[in-house]
Protein backbone atom coordinates (compact mmCIF):
# COMPACT_ATOMS: atom_id res chain seq x y z
CA MET A 1 142.45 114.54 131.73
CA LYS A 2 139.15 114.72 133.61
CA ASN A 3 137.66 116.93 130.88
CA ILE A 4 138.77 114.50 128.17
CA VAL A 5 137.09 111.59 129.99
CA GLN A 6 133.87 113.58 130.41
CA LEU A 7 133.89 114.50 126.73
CA PHE A 8 134.45 110.85 125.76
CA PHE A 9 131.44 109.67 127.77
CA ALA A 10 129.35 112.55 126.47
CA VAL A 11 130.01 111.42 122.91
CA LEU A 12 129.06 107.85 123.82
CA VAL A 13 125.82 108.91 125.49
CA LEU A 14 124.77 111.52 122.92
CA PRO A 15 123.08 109.10 120.45
CA ALA A 16 120.78 107.88 123.20
CA TYR A 17 119.31 111.39 123.46
CA ALA A 18 118.74 111.79 119.74
CA GLN A 19 115.11 112.61 119.04
CA GLN A 20 113.05 110.12 117.07
CA GLY A 21 109.92 110.87 115.11
CA VAL A 22 106.76 108.81 115.49
CA LEU A 23 105.95 106.41 112.65
CA LYS A 24 102.38 105.16 112.27
CA GLU A 25 101.97 102.55 109.57
CA SER A 26 98.98 101.30 107.59
CA LEU A 27 96.33 103.66 108.89
CA HIS A 28 93.20 104.00 106.77
CA VAL A 29 91.05 106.73 105.30
CA LYS A 30 87.62 106.13 103.76
CA SER A 31 87.35 107.29 100.17
CA ALA A 32 83.99 108.00 98.57
CA ILE A 33 85.70 108.54 95.22
CA LEU A 34 87.45 105.15 95.23
CA GLY A 35 84.65 103.43 97.15
CA LYS A 36 86.99 101.81 99.66
CA GLU A 37 89.41 102.43 102.49
CA VAL A 38 92.90 103.52 101.45
CA GLY A 39 95.97 102.77 103.52
CA TYR A 40 98.61 105.30 104.43
CA SER A 41 101.59 105.61 106.74
CA ILE A 42 102.68 108.83 108.40
CA TYR A 43 105.85 110.10 110.03
CA LEU A 44 105.39 112.78 112.68
CA PRO A 45 108.31 114.88 113.99
CA SER A 46 109.60 114.06 117.47
CA ASP A 47 108.01 117.13 119.04
CA TYR A 48 104.61 116.69 117.38
CA GLU A 49 102.90 115.37 120.52
CA THR A 50 104.45 117.95 122.84
CA SER A 51 104.05 121.10 120.75
CA SER A 52 101.13 123.03 119.34
CA ARG A 53 102.90 124.10 116.16
CA LYS A 54 101.88 123.28 112.62
CA TYR A 55 104.24 121.51 110.23
CA PRO A 56 104.97 121.45 106.49
CA VAL A 57 104.10 118.21 104.70
CA LEU A 58 105.92 115.98 102.25
CA TYR A 59 103.86 113.39 100.37
CA LEU A 60 106.22 110.50 99.62
CA LEU A 61 104.91 108.14 96.92
CA HIS A 62 105.79 104.46 96.48
CA GLY A 63 106.66 102.52 93.33
CA TYR A 64 104.87 99.93 91.21
CA THR A 65 103.52 96.89 93.17
CA ASP A 66 104.58 98.42 96.50
CA ASP A 67 102.34 99.97 99.15
CA GLU A 68 102.28 102.54 101.95
CA THR A 69 104.98 100.68 103.90
CA GLY A 70 107.59 100.56 101.13
CA TRP A 71 109.37 103.79 101.95
CA THR A 72 109.79 102.85 105.60
CA GLN A 73 110.35 99.10 105.27
CA PHE A 74 112.88 99.29 102.45
CA GLY A 75 113.68 102.98 102.11
CA GLU A 76 114.30 103.63 105.83
CA ALA A 77 112.59 107.00 105.35
CA ASN A 78 111.84 107.51 109.04
CA GLN A 79 115.41 106.73 110.09
CA ILE A 80 116.85 109.03 107.44
CA ALA A 81 114.46 111.82 108.47
CA ASP A 82 115.42 111.35 112.14
CA ARG A 83 119.12 111.62 111.32
CA LEU A 84 118.74 114.76 109.24
CA LEU A 85 116.42 116.40 111.75
CA ASN A 86 118.82 115.71 114.61
CA SER A 87 121.73 117.11 112.64
CA GLY A 88 119.75 120.23 111.77
CA GLU A 89 119.99 119.61 108.04
CA ILE A 90 116.23 119.69 107.50
CA PRO A 91 113.35 121.38 109.34
CA PRO A 92 110.72 119.31 111.16
CA MET A 93 108.14 118.05 108.69
CA ILE A 94 105.31 115.54 108.42
CA ILE A 95 105.87 112.81 105.84
CA VAL A 96 102.78 111.08 104.45
CA MET A 97 102.99 107.85 102.44
CA PRO A 98 99.71 106.74 100.81
CA ASP A 99 98.95 103.42 99.12
CA ALA A 100 98.22 103.81 95.41
CA GLY A 101 98.14 100.19 94.28
CA VAL A 102 99.16 100.06 90.60
CA SER A 103 97.16 103.16 89.65
CA TRP A 104 100.15 105.20 88.44
CA TYR A 105 98.53 107.94 90.54
CA ILE A 106 96.11 108.89 87.76
CA ASN A 107 92.44 108.44 86.92
CA SER A 108 92.08 105.26 84.83
CA ALA A 109 90.73 105.42 81.29
CA ASP A 110 87.70 103.31 82.19
CA GLY A 111 86.83 105.60 85.11
CA LYS A 112 86.91 102.79 87.66
CA VAL A 113 89.94 104.01 89.61
CA LYS A 114 90.09 107.78 90.02
CA TYR A 115 93.24 107.99 92.10
CA GLU A 116 94.23 111.51 91.09
CA ASP A 117 90.80 112.78 92.12
CA PHE A 118 91.08 110.92 95.42
CA PHE A 119 94.53 112.33 96.16
CA ILE A 120 93.66 115.94 95.34
CA GLN A 121 90.03 116.13 96.44
CA GLU A 122 90.00 113.79 99.44
CA PHE A 123 93.42 112.78 100.71
CA ILE A 124 95.18 116.13 101.00
CA PRO A 125 92.12 117.72 102.66
CA TYR A 126 91.92 114.71 105.02
CA VAL A 127 95.55 115.10 106.09
CA ASP A 128 95.14 118.84 106.58
CA ALA A 129 91.99 118.29 108.66
CA ASN A 130 93.37 115.51 110.86
CA TYR A 131 96.96 116.60 111.44
CA ARG A 132 98.53 119.92 112.37
CA THR A 133 99.75 120.86 108.93
CA ARG A 134 100.58 124.14 107.30
CA SER A 135 98.03 123.86 104.52
CA ALA A 136 99.33 126.60 102.21
CA LYS A 137 101.08 125.62 98.97
CA GLU A 138 104.37 127.00 100.33
CA PHE A 139 104.49 124.19 102.86
CA ARG A 140 103.43 121.20 100.76
CA ALA A 141 105.77 119.06 98.63
CA VAL A 142 105.62 115.74 96.81
CA ALA A 143 108.31 113.17 96.00
CA GLY A 144 108.42 109.52 94.99
CA LEU A 145 110.22 106.74 93.19
CA SER A 146 109.52 105.00 89.87
CA MET A 147 105.73 104.87 89.53
CA GLY A 148 105.73 107.29 92.46
CA GLY A 149 108.11 109.54 90.54
CA HIS A 150 105.53 109.58 87.77
CA GLY A 151 102.87 110.36 90.37
CA THR A 152 105.05 113.15 91.75
CA LEU A 153 105.15 114.84 88.36
CA ILE A 154 101.46 114.21 87.71
CA MET A 155 100.45 115.94 90.94
CA ALA A 156 102.91 118.82 90.67
CA MET A 157 102.50 119.54 86.96
CA LYS A 158 98.73 119.16 86.82
CA HIS A 159 98.20 120.96 90.13
CA PRO A 160 101.07 123.49 90.39
CA ASP A 161 99.08 125.70 92.76
CA LEU A 162 99.14 122.97 95.43
CA PHE A 163 102.86 122.16 95.70
CA VAL A 164 105.97 124.21 96.28
CA ALA A 165 108.39 121.42 95.34
CA ALA A 166 108.50 118.08 93.53
CA ALA A 167 111.29 115.52 93.63
CA PRO A 168 110.82 112.50 91.35
CA LEU A 169 113.38 109.69 91.64
CA SER A 170 113.84 107.22 88.76
CA ALA A 171 110.50 108.49 87.49
CA GLY A 172 108.40 106.19 85.30
CA ILE A 173 108.77 108.30 82.15
CA PHE A 174 108.77 106.66 78.74
CA THR A 175 109.53 108.07 75.31
CA GLU A 176 107.05 107.64 72.46
CA GLU A 177 109.29 105.02 70.91
CA GLU A 178 109.43 103.05 74.17
CA LEU A 179 105.66 103.10 74.55
CA ILE A 180 104.99 102.01 70.98
CA ASN A 181 107.56 99.21 71.02
CA MET A 182 106.86 97.89 74.51
CA PRO A 183 106.15 94.12 74.46
CA ASP A 184 102.42 93.43 74.59
CA ASP A 185 102.53 91.44 77.82
CA ASN A 186 104.47 94.26 79.53
CA TRP A 187 101.96 96.82 78.33
CA ASP A 188 98.93 94.81 79.44
CA ARG A 189 100.42 94.01 82.85
CA VAL A 190 101.83 97.43 83.72
CA PHE A 191 99.79 99.94 81.74
CA GLY A 192 96.63 97.95 81.08
CA PRO A 193 94.98 98.98 84.39
CA PRO A 194 95.28 102.76 83.87
CA TYR A 195 95.20 102.97 80.06
CA GLY A 196 93.53 99.83 78.71
CA THR A 197 94.67 96.34 77.74
CA GLY A 198 95.04 94.98 74.22
CA LEU A 199 96.42 98.19 72.75
CA LYS A 200 99.28 97.76 70.33
CA GLY A 201 101.81 100.11 68.78
CA LYS A 202 100.49 103.60 68.12
CA GLU A 203 97.05 102.59 69.40
CA ARG A 204 98.52 103.14 72.85
CA LEU A 205 98.92 106.87 72.26
CA THR A 206 95.33 107.60 73.24
CA GLU A 207 94.04 110.99 74.31
CA HIS A 208 93.81 109.68 77.86
CA LEU A 209 97.45 108.63 77.81
CA LYS A 210 98.52 112.00 76.39
CA GLN A 211 96.71 113.76 79.21
CA ASN A 212 98.81 111.80 81.71
CA TRP A 213 102.05 111.34 79.76
CA ILE A 214 104.67 113.48 81.49
CA LEU A 215 106.51 114.47 78.31
CA LYS A 216 103.27 115.53 76.64
CA ILE A 217 102.16 117.44 79.74
CA VAL A 218 105.38 119.46 79.72
CA GLU A 219 105.17 119.98 75.96
CA ASN A 220 101.62 121.37 76.19
CA ALA A 221 101.82 123.25 79.48
CA LYS A 222 102.31 126.98 79.87
CA PRO A 223 105.87 127.55 81.15
CA GLU A 224 104.60 129.99 83.77
CA ASP A 225 102.45 127.23 85.30
CA LEU A 226 105.29 124.72 85.56
CA GLN A 227 107.59 127.42 86.93
CA LYS A 228 105.41 127.64 90.04
CA VAL A 229 107.06 124.45 91.38
CA ARG A 230 110.70 123.74 92.27
CA TYR A 231 111.89 120.47 90.67
CA TYR A 232 114.61 118.03 91.71
CA ILE A 233 114.96 115.12 89.26
CA ASP A 234 117.30 112.19 89.96
CA CYS A 235 117.87 108.96 88.00
CA GLY A 236 120.68 106.40 87.97
CA ASP A 237 122.88 106.08 84.89
CA GLY A 238 122.17 102.33 84.80
CA ASP A 239 118.40 102.70 85.28
CA PHE A 240 116.15 101.39 82.49
CA LEU A 241 114.18 104.66 82.84
CA ILE A 242 117.15 106.95 82.23
CA LYS A 243 116.19 107.69 78.61
CA GLY A 244 112.77 109.03 79.55
CA ASN A 245 114.22 111.09 82.40
CA MET A 246 116.84 112.59 80.11
CA ALA A 247 114.12 113.42 77.59
CA LEU A 248 112.24 115.24 80.36
CA HIS A 249 115.40 117.13 81.30
CA ALA A 250 115.96 118.23 77.69
CA LEU A 251 112.33 119.26 77.27
CA MET A 252 112.37 121.31 80.47
CA ILE A 253 115.52 123.07 79.24
CA ASP A 254 113.77 123.91 75.96
CA LYS A 255 110.71 125.18 77.85
CA LYS A 256 112.96 127.14 80.25
CA ILE A 257 111.61 125.38 83.31
CA PRO A 258 114.16 125.74 86.17
CA HIS A 259 115.05 122.40 87.71
CA GLU A 260 117.87 120.42 89.25
CA PHE A 261 118.82 117.28 87.36
CA ARG A 262 121.04 114.55 88.80
CA VAL A 263 122.44 111.44 87.16
CA ARG A 264 124.41 109.31 89.61
CA ASP A 265 126.04 105.91 89.44
CA GLY A 266 123.27 103.41 90.14
CA GLU A 267 120.31 101.37 89.01
CA HIS A 268 116.61 100.98 89.69
CA ASN A 269 116.79 99.72 93.26
CA TRP A 270 116.48 100.63 96.93
CA THR A 271 120.20 101.12 97.33
CA TYR A 272 119.93 104.03 94.92
CA TRP A 273 116.77 105.50 96.44
CA ARG A 274 118.07 105.32 100.01
CA THR A 275 121.07 107.39 98.96
CA ALA A 276 118.82 109.80 97.07
CA LEU A 277 116.34 110.45 99.88
CA PRO A 278 118.63 112.63 102.06
CA GLU A 279 119.14 115.06 99.19
CA VAL A 280 115.42 115.03 98.46
CA LEU A 281 114.62 115.90 102.07
CA LYS A 282 117.19 118.70 102.04
CA PHE A 283 115.77 120.07 98.78
CA VAL A 284 112.23 119.94 100.17
CA GLY A 285 113.36 121.52 103.44
CA GLU A 286 114.98 124.40 101.57
CA SER A 287 111.73 124.85 99.65
CA PHE A 288 109.82 125.25 102.92
CA HIS A 289 112.12 128.03 104.13
CA ARG A 290 110.77 131.57 103.95
């Protein structure tokens, strides 16, 4: 009986000893390329301050109109990471969440917002220089939702030598038909900043768009380049972006690009992404294993 009582109290007390990572929100880095300070949040493993080890890094990208706090405020990313780390389901990792405004994580057609250049040339080197990261490709991954899912694929597919894994959720992928037939006000509001306002119908299929259009990137890329990255693609069956994601899945099959593809019950919302994140972290953690 005494042992049963001790076990009961041990179970009650155990959660209090669970390790929690350190979340630092809305820090800033100066960007010469963008000509301004850029916000970012960062999650550090619980033993970061007490160890001297280096850690793999996951760049976790937010969606359209959100910012660097979205994944923690609404996605509970730090809490989910804590839970999986404490259960031993993922290895300790640094999670970095930068602000990208409404850039779609690319360089804009007018050259005024060069976010891709900032991310690759300034931000990743800044993180590697200021935090104890493992800076080799084998220990760097990228994931994100919606616009951030688009950004995930942009970074991984255009820079396959920098990332070991990519996990886009509800990625902002559109078919040619969807782009051409998109209502003008939607186009100007959402895609005007990166691609140019006032474009109608097939005028939208500019060379700049094709260089940053995920389906066209996959179509034109060498399979051996895309095969350098592990892909985990997830989109809800009720998501308005499901058609573009399924088109990507079909194209990657045709190009023989290995990838995991998930379609679950759900829509384009945080409920879906919160349930997706644990599997993303597990996938990324497996990618870091040697």
